[in-house]
Amino acid sequence: MTDYVDGYCERVAPGLWGEPLNSLSNLAFLVAAVLVWRLATGNRTGRLLAVLIGLVFAASTVFHLLATRWAATADSVSILVFVLVYVVLFARVFYNWRLAWLAAPAFLALTVVTALLGGGLYLSALIGLGIFAALLAFRRDVYWTHFAVAGAVFALSLSLRALDRDVCDYVPAGTHFLWHLLNGVVLYLVSRTMVKRLRP
């Protein structure tokens, strides 16, 4: 678990400051967490989402500083926890589904399928945003556009993440830091949508 991980253009050797852009760009998550926390005054669900975004910030920062396998696992787990909590909240808040917790294993099943197809957690998250937008658009809920916009931003973010290793010869810093910046926007957008939906 302490094995060195070199998975990004910017990382060329072990060391705490081996990925300065990838490390600093995690501040986008911290900014998103603070904004959601302030927006969610008196809203425990919003505050929970803010804390989970804060955990993503911490885990991703540690990973890009240490570049070890255990830190990579912590990074992925923090993202997965946010997504699982969010899909359950979506089912409960937007559809008042009493068995909202079933949304979590349903998403995990989708993730397994996309992983077998080579997509993994992130492709299933993109599909999930598309499903949220489609479900709400079908019943003419005005919030469908919020998820459509978040999905579009995430699609761009995912593309930049995939390009990172392919552009090393032309862009030594890579594009992974843009993945962080855009994902901070995505987490803010979906959390803001949840907070607004819960307001009287």
C-alpha atoms as a PDB file:
ATOM      1  CA  MET A   1       0.000   0.000   0.000  1.00  0.00           C
ATOM      2  CA  THR A   2       3.018   2.282   0.335  1.00  0.00           C
ATOM      3  CA  ASP A   3       4.140   1.606  -3.242  1.00  0.00           C
ATOM      4  CA  TYR A   4       4.988   4.700  -5.279  1.00  0.00           C
ATOM      5  CA  VAL A   5       2.363   5.683  -7.855  1.00  0.00           C
ATOM      6  CA  ASP A   6       3.405   7.557 -10.984  1.00  0.00           C
ATOM      7  CA  GLY A   7       0.195   7.998 -12.934  1.00  0.00           C
ATOM      8  CA  TYR A   8       0.266  11.561 -14.220  1.00  0.00           C
ATOM      9  CA  CYS A   9       2.292  13.690 -16.639  1.00  0.00           C
ATOM     10  CA  GLU A  10       3.317  16.128 -13.950  1.00  0.00           C
ATOM     11  CA  ARG A  11       4.766  13.433 -11.674  1.00  0.00           C
ATOM     12  CA  VAL A  12       8.334  12.630 -12.747  1.00  0.00           C
ATOM     13  CA  ALA A  13       9.854  11.500  -9.426  1.00  0.00           C
ATOM     14  CA  PRO A  14       8.907  10.764  -5.805  1.00  0.00           C
ATOM     15  CA  GLY A  15       8.590  13.750  -3.485  1.00  0.00           C
ATOM     16  CA  LEU A  16       5.977  15.902  -1.782  1.00  0.00           C
ATOM     17  CA  TRP A  17       6.124  18.602  -4.440  1.00  0.00           C
ATOM     18  CA  GLY A  18       6.255  16.303  -7.449  1.00  0.00           C
ATOM     19  CA  GLU A  19       2.844  17.477  -8.678  1.00  0.00           C
ATOM     20  CA  PRO A  20       2.483  21.174  -7.814  1.00  0.00           C
ATOM     21  CA  LEU A  21      -0.416  21.909 -10.192  1.00  0.00           C
ATOM     22  CA  ASN A  22      -2.245  18.692  -9.348  1.00  0.00           C
ATOM     23  CA  SER A  23      -1.819  19.417  -5.640  1.00  0.00           C
ATOM     24  CA  LEU A  24      -2.757  23.100  -5.693  1.00  0.00           C
ATOM     25  CA  SER A  25      -5.733  22.592  -8.012  1.00  0.00           C
ATOM     26  CA  ASN A  26      -7.365  20.566  -5.238  1.00  0.00           C
ATOM     27  CA  LEU A  27      -8.123  23.921  -3.636  1.00  0.00           C
ATOM     28  CA  ALA A  28     -11.112  23.976  -5.999  1.00  0.00           C
ATOM     29  CA  PHE A  29     -12.695  21.313  -3.774  1.00  0.00           C
ATOM     30  CA  LEU A  30     -11.985  23.335  -0.649  1.00  0.00           C
ATOM     31  CA  VAL A  31     -13.564  26.429  -2.200  1.00  0.00           C
ATOM     32  CA  ALA A  32     -16.605  24.348  -3.211  1.00  0.00           C
ATOM     33  CA  ALA A  33     -16.893  22.925   0.319  1.00  0.00           C
ATOM     34  CA  VAL A  34     -16.778  26.384   1.911  1.00  0.00           C
ATOM     35  CA  LEU A  35     -19.337  27.810  -0.531  1.00  0.00           C
ATOM     36  CA  VAL A  36     -21.738  24.913   0.013  1.00  0.00           C
ATOM     37  CA  TRP A  37     -21.300  25.157   3.794  1.00  0.00           C
ATOM     38  CA  ARG A  38     -22.170  28.846   3.738  1.00  0.00           C
ATOM     39  CA  LEU A  39     -25.102  28.273   1.398  1.00  0.00           C
ATOM     40  CA  ALA A  40     -26.489  25.489   3.601  1.00  0.00           C
ATOM     41  CA  THR A  41     -27.215  27.601   6.683  1.00  0.00           C
ATOM     42  CA  GLY A  42     -29.512  25.535   8.890  1.00  0.00           C
ATOM     43  CA  ASN A  43     -29.560  22.716   6.344  1.00  0.00           C
ATOM     44  CA  ARG A  44     -27.973  19.530   7.686  1.00  0.00           C
ATOM     45  CA  THR A  45     -28.044  17.799   4.308  1.00  0.00           C
ATOM     46  CA  GLY A  46     -26.163  20.660   2.700  1.00  0.00           C
ATOM     47  CA  ARG A  47     -23.668  20.717   5.547  1.00  0.00           C
ATOM     48  CA  LEU A  48     -23.134  16.963   5.111  1.00  0.00           C
ATOM     49  CA  LEU A  49     -22.367  17.457   1.425  1.00  0.00           C
ATOM     50  CA  ALA A  50     -19.946  20.260   2.292  1.00  0.00           C
ATOM     51  CA  VAL A  51     -18.099  17.974   4.706  1.00  0.00           C
ATOM     52  CA  LEU A  52     -17.907  15.208   2.092  1.00  0.00           C
ATOM     53  CA  ILE A  53     -16.486  17.651  -0.460  1.00  0.00           C
ATOM     54  CA  GLY A  54     -13.948  18.632   2.190  1.00  0.00           C
ATOM     55  CA  LEU A  55     -12.949  14.986   2.508  1.00  0.00           C
ATOM     56  CA  VAL A  56     -12.448  14.786  -1.253  1.00  0.00           C
ATOM     57  CA  PHE A  57     -10.174  17.830  -0.979  1.00  0.00           C
ATOM     58  CA  ALA A  58      -8.139  16.264   1.817  1.00  0.00           C
ATOM     59  CA  ALA A  59      -7.827  12.814   0.251  1.00  0.00           C
ATOM     60  CA  SER A  60      -6.960  14.060  -3.226  1.00  0.00           C
ATOM     61  CA  THR A  61      -4.393  16.520  -1.860  1.00  0.00           C
ATOM     62  CA  VAL A  62      -2.699  13.815   0.187  1.00  0.00           C
ATOM     63  CA  PHE A  63      -2.615  11.506  -2.824  1.00  0.00           C
ATOM     64  CA  HIS A  64      -1.010  14.058  -5.136  1.00  0.00           C
ATOM     65  CA  LEU A  65       1.513  15.008  -2.458  1.00  0.00           C
ATOM     66  CA  LEU A  66       2.515  11.490  -1.395  1.00  0.00           C
ATOM     67  CA  ALA A  67       1.775   9.513  -4.585  1.00  0.00           C
ATOM     68  CA  THR A  68       1.308   6.204  -2.749  1.00  0.00           C
ATOM     69  CA  ARG A  69      -1.152   3.397  -3.328  1.00  0.00           C
ATOM     70  CA  TRP A  70      -2.936   3.824   0.019  1.00  0.00           C
ATOM     71  CA  ALA A  71      -3.419   7.538  -0.704  1.00  0.00           C
ATOM     72  CA  ALA A  72      -4.811   6.696  -4.141  1.00  0.00           C
ATOM     73  CA  THR A  73      -7.291   4.340  -2.478  1.00  0.00           C
ATOM     74  CA  ALA A  74      -8.321   7.040  -0.009  1.00  0.00           C
ATOM     75  CA  ASP A  75      -8.821   9.452  -2.915  1.00  0.00           C
ATOM     76  CA  SER A  76     -11.099   7.051  -4.793  1.00  0.00           C
ATOM     77  CA  VAL A  77     -13.032   6.087  -1.649  1.00  0.00           C
ATOM     78  CA  SER A  78     -13.740   9.729  -0.757  1.00  0.00           C
ATOM     79  CA  ILE A  79     -15.216  10.322  -4.209  1.00  0.00           C
ATOM     80  CA  LEU A  80     -17.235   7.113  -4.066  1.00  0.00           C
ATOM     81  CA  VAL A  81     -18.665   8.029  -0.660  1.00  0.00           C
ATOM     82  CA  PHE A  82     -19.814  11.415  -1.946  1.00  0.00           C
ATOM     83  CA  VAL A  83     -21.459   9.849  -4.997  1.00  0.00           C
ATOM     84  CA  LEU A  84     -23.219   7.113  -3.010  1.00  0.00           C
ATOM     85  CA  VAL A  85     -24.553   9.589  -0.461  1.00  0.00           C
ATOM     86  CA  TYR A  86     -25.708  11.878  -3.238  1.00  0.00           C
ATOM     87  CA  VAL A  87     -27.634   9.250  -5.200  1.00  0.00           C
ATOM     88  CA  VAL A  88     -29.458   8.261  -2.007  1.00  0.00           C
ATOM     89  CA  LEU A  89     -30.269  11.897  -1.268  1.00  0.00           C
ATOM     90  CA  PHE A  90     -31.501  12.393  -4.832  1.00  0.00           C
ATOM     91  CA  ALA A  91     -33.924   9.480  -4.510  1.00  0.00           C
ATOM     92  CA  ARG A  92     -35.175  10.745  -1.159  1.00  0.00           C
ATOM     93  CA  VAL A  93     -35.339  14.484  -1.845  1.00  0.00           C
ATOM     94  CA  PHE A  94     -36.520  14.582  -5.464  1.00  0.00           C
ATOM     95  CA  TYR A  95     -38.710  11.470  -5.417  1.00  0.00           C
ATOM     96  CA  ASN A  96     -39.534  11.011  -1.738  1.00  0.00           C
ATOM     97  CA  TRP A  97     -38.631   7.335  -2.169  1.00  0.00           C
ATOM     98  CA  ARG A  98     -38.886   5.534   1.164  1.00  0.00           C
ATOM     99  CA  LEU A  99     -36.348   2.940   0.050  1.00  0.00           C
ATOM    100  CA  ALA A 100     -33.907   5.604  -1.118  1.00  0.00           C
ATOM    101  CA  TRP A 101     -30.956   3.627   0.255  1.00  0.00           C
ATOM    102  CA  LEU A 102     -31.465   1.142  -2.597  1.00  0.00           C
ATOM    103  CA  ALA A 103     -30.099   3.804  -4.930  1.00  0.00           C
ATOM    104  CA  ALA A 104     -26.610   3.116  -3.539  1.00  0.00           C
ATOM    105  CA  PRO A 105     -26.392  -0.588  -4.523  1.00  0.00           C
ATOM    106  CA  ALA A 106     -28.048   0.287  -7.842  1.00  0.00           C
ATOM    107  CA  PHE A 107     -25.271   2.774  -8.549  1.00  0.00           C
ATOM    108  CA  LEU A 108     -22.633   0.258  -7.474  1.00  0.00           C
ATOM    109  CA  ALA A 109     -24.114  -2.256  -9.926  1.00  0.00           C
ATOM    110  CA  LEU A 110     -23.924   0.366 -12.684  1.00  0.00           C
ATOM    111  CA  THR A 111     -20.308   1.036 -11.724  1.00  0.00           C
ATOM    112  CA  VAL A 112     -19.436  -2.651 -11.972  1.00  0.00           C
ATOM    113  CA  VAL A 113     -20.926  -2.769 -15.468  1.00  0.00           C
ATOM    114  CA  THR A 114     -19.074   0.350 -16.617  1.00  0.00           C
ATOM    115  CA  ALA A 115     -15.854  -0.967 -15.032  1.00  0.00           C
ATOM    116  CA  LEU A 116     -16.164  -4.162 -17.068  1.00  0.00           C
ATOM    117  CA  LEU A 117     -16.523  -1.943 -20.140  1.00  0.00           C
ATOM    118  CA  GLY A 118     -13.446   0.057 -19.143  1.00  0.00           C
ATOM    119  CA  GLY A 119     -15.219   3.106 -17.716  1.00  0.00           C
ATOM    120  CA  GLY A 120     -15.164   2.591 -13.964  1.00  0.00           C
ATOM    121  CA  LEU A 121     -16.529   4.938 -11.310  1.00  0.00           C
ATOM    122  CA  TYR A 122     -16.304   8.111 -13.337  1.00  0.00           C
ATOM    123  CA  LEU A 123     -18.250   6.935 -16.363  1.00  0.00           C
ATOM    124  CA  SER A 124     -21.027   5.670 -14.096  1.00  0.00           C
ATOM    125  CA  ALA A 125     -21.108   9.074 -12.364  1.00  0.00           C
ATOM    126  CA  LEU A 126     -21.522  10.776 -15.751  1.00  0.00           C
ATOM    127  CA  ILE A 127     -24.311   8.375 -16.676  1.00  0.00           C
ATOM    128  CA  GLY A 128     -25.906   9.052 -13.293  1.00  0.00           C
ATOM    129  CA  LEU A 129     -25.999  12.800 -13.925  1.00  0.00           C
ATOM    130  CA  GLY A 130     -27.611  12.124 -17.292  1.00  0.00           C
ATOM    131  CA  ILE A 131     -30.226   9.905 -15.662  1.00  0.00           C
ATOM    132  CA  PHE A 132     -30.984  12.554 -13.023  1.00  0.00           C
ATOM    133  CA  ALA A 133     -31.470  15.199 -15.717  1.00  0.00           C
ATOM    134  CA  ALA A 134     -33.646  12.910 -17.843  1.00  0.00           C
ATOM    135  CA  LEU A 135     -35.855  11.817 -14.939  1.00  0.00           C
ATOM    136  CA  LEU A 136     -36.490  15.392 -13.866  1.00  0.00           C
ATOM    137  CA  ALA A 137     -36.999  16.627 -17.434  1.00  0.00           C
ATOM    138  CA  PHE A 138     -39.611  13.897 -17.968  1.00  0.00           C
ATOM    139  CA  ARG A 139     -41.727  15.280 -15.148  1.00  0.00           C
ATOM    140  CA  ARG A 140     -40.912  18.884 -16.085  1.00  0.00           C
ATOM    141  CA  ASP A 141     -39.013  19.623 -12.923  1.00  0.00           C
ATOM    142  CA  VAL A 142     -37.072  22.873 -13.400  1.00  0.00           C
ATOM    143  CA  TYR A 143     -34.026  21.373 -11.692  1.00  0.00           C
ATOM    144  CA  TRP A 144     -33.290  19.089 -14.636  1.00  0.00           C
ATOM    145  CA  THR A 145     -31.216  21.846 -16.237  1.00  0.00           C
ATOM    146  CA  HIS A 146     -28.964  21.974 -13.147  1.00  0.00           C
ATOM    147  CA  PHE A 147     -27.998  18.335 -13.631  1.00  0.00           C
ATOM    148  CA  ALA A 148     -27.687  18.772 -17.386  1.00  0.00           C
ATOM    149  CA  VAL A 149     -25.175  21.590 -16.893  1.00  0.00           C
ATOM    150  CA  ALA A 150     -23.287  19.614 -14.224  1.00  0.00           C
ATOM    151  CA  GLY A 151     -23.204  16.633 -16.594  1.00  0.00           C
ATOM    152  CA  ALA A 152     -21.808  18.754 -19.437  1.00  0.00           C
ATOM    153  CA  VAL A 153     -19.060  20.156 -17.205  1.00  0.00           C
ATOM    154  CA  PHE A 154     -18.252  16.678 -15.925  1.00  0.00           C
ATOM    155  CA  ALA A 155     -18.078  15.281 -19.467  1.00  0.00           C
ATOM    156  CA  LEU A 156     -15.461  17.917 -20.314  1.00  0.00           C
ATOM    157  CA  SER A 157     -13.641  17.175 -17.063  1.00  0.00           C
ATOM    158  CA  LEU A 158     -13.601  13.446 -17.752  1.00  0.00           C
ATOM    159  CA  SER A 159     -12.232  14.044 -21.246  1.00  0.00           C
ATOM    160  CA  LEU A 160      -9.385  16.137 -19.858  1.00  0.00           C
ATOM    161  CA  ARG A 161      -8.594  13.447 -17.300  1.00  0.00           C
ATOM    162  CA  ALA A 162      -8.373  10.845 -20.063  1.00  0.00           C
ATOM    163  CA  LEU A 163      -6.091  13.082 -22.146  1.00  0.00           C
ATOM    164  CA  ASP A 164      -3.510  13.602 -19.401  1.00  0.00           C
ATOM    165  CA  ARG A 165      -1.118  10.779 -20.346  1.00  0.00           C
ATOM    166  CA  ASP A 166      -1.539  11.401 -24.078  1.00  0.00           C
ATOM    167  CA  VAL A 167      -0.356  15.012 -24.043  1.00  0.00           C
ATOM    168  CA  CYS A 168       2.773  14.610 -21.892  1.00  0.00           C
ATOM    169  CA  ASP A 169       5.087  15.245 -24.853  1.00  0.00           C
ATOM    170  CA  TYR A 170       3.358  18.523 -25.643  1.00  0.00           C
ATOM    171  CA  VAL A 171       2.092  19.682 -22.225  1.00  0.00           C
ATOM    172  CA  PRO A 172       4.532  18.498 -19.515  1.00  0.00           C
ATOM    173  CA  ALA A 173       2.157  19.534 -16.727  1.00  0.00           C
ATOM    174  CA  GLY A 174      -0.612  17.428 -18.260  1.00  0.00           C
ATOM    175  CA  THR A 175      -4.325  18.116 -17.947  1.00  0.00           C
ATOM    176  CA  HIS A 176      -5.159  16.403 -14.659  1.00  0.00           C
ATOM    177  CA  PHE A 177      -5.196  19.690 -12.759  1.00  0.00           C
ATOM    178  CA  LEU A 178      -8.073  20.828 -14.992  1.00  0.00           C
ATOM    179  CA  TRP A 179      -9.960  17.680 -13.915  1.00  0.00           C
ATOM    180  CA  HIS A 180      -9.693  18.950 -10.336  1.00  0.00           C
ATOM    181  CA  LEU A 181     -10.782  22.484 -11.173  1.00  0.00           C
ATOM    182  CA  LEU A 182     -13.814  21.382 -13.164  1.00  0.00           C
ATOM    183  CA  ASN A 183     -14.802  18.707 -10.654  1.00  0.00           C
ATOM    184  CA  GLY A 184     -14.808  21.346  -7.931  1.00  0.00           C
ATOM    185  CA  VAL A 185     -17.390  23.148 -10.062  1.00  0.00           C
ATOM    186  CA  VAL A 186     -19.412  19.945 -10.543  1.00  0.00           C
ATOM    187  CA  LEU A 187     -19.526  19.115  -6.830  1.00  0.00           C
ATOM    188  CA  TYR A 188     -20.562  22.679  -6.062  1.00  0.00           C
ATOM    189  CA  LEU A 189     -23.311  22.648  -8.703  1.00  0.00           C
ATOM    190  CA  VAL A 190     -24.924  19.379  -7.601  1.00  0.00           C
ATOM    191  CA  SER A 191     -24.647  20.279  -3.907  1.00  0.00           C
ATOM    192  CA  ARG A 192     -26.103  23.741  -4.519  1.00  0.00           C
ATOM    193  CA  THR A 193     -28.987  22.126  -6.396  1.00  0.00           C
ATOM    194  CA  MET A 194     -29.722  19.842  -3.440  1.00  0.00           C
ATOM    195  CA  VAL A 195     -29.641  22.729  -0.979  1.00  0.00           C
ATOM    196  CA  LYS A 196     -31.952  24.857  -3.129  1.00  0.00           C
ATOM    197  CA  ARG A 197     -34.387  21.953  -3.576  1.00  0.00           C
ATOM    198  CA  LEU A 198     -34.623  21.507   0.190  1.00  0.00           C
ATOM    199  CA  ARG A 199     -35.451  25.137   0.869  1.00  0.00           C
ATOM    200  CA  PRO A 200     -39.108  25.847   1.694  1.00  0.00           C
END
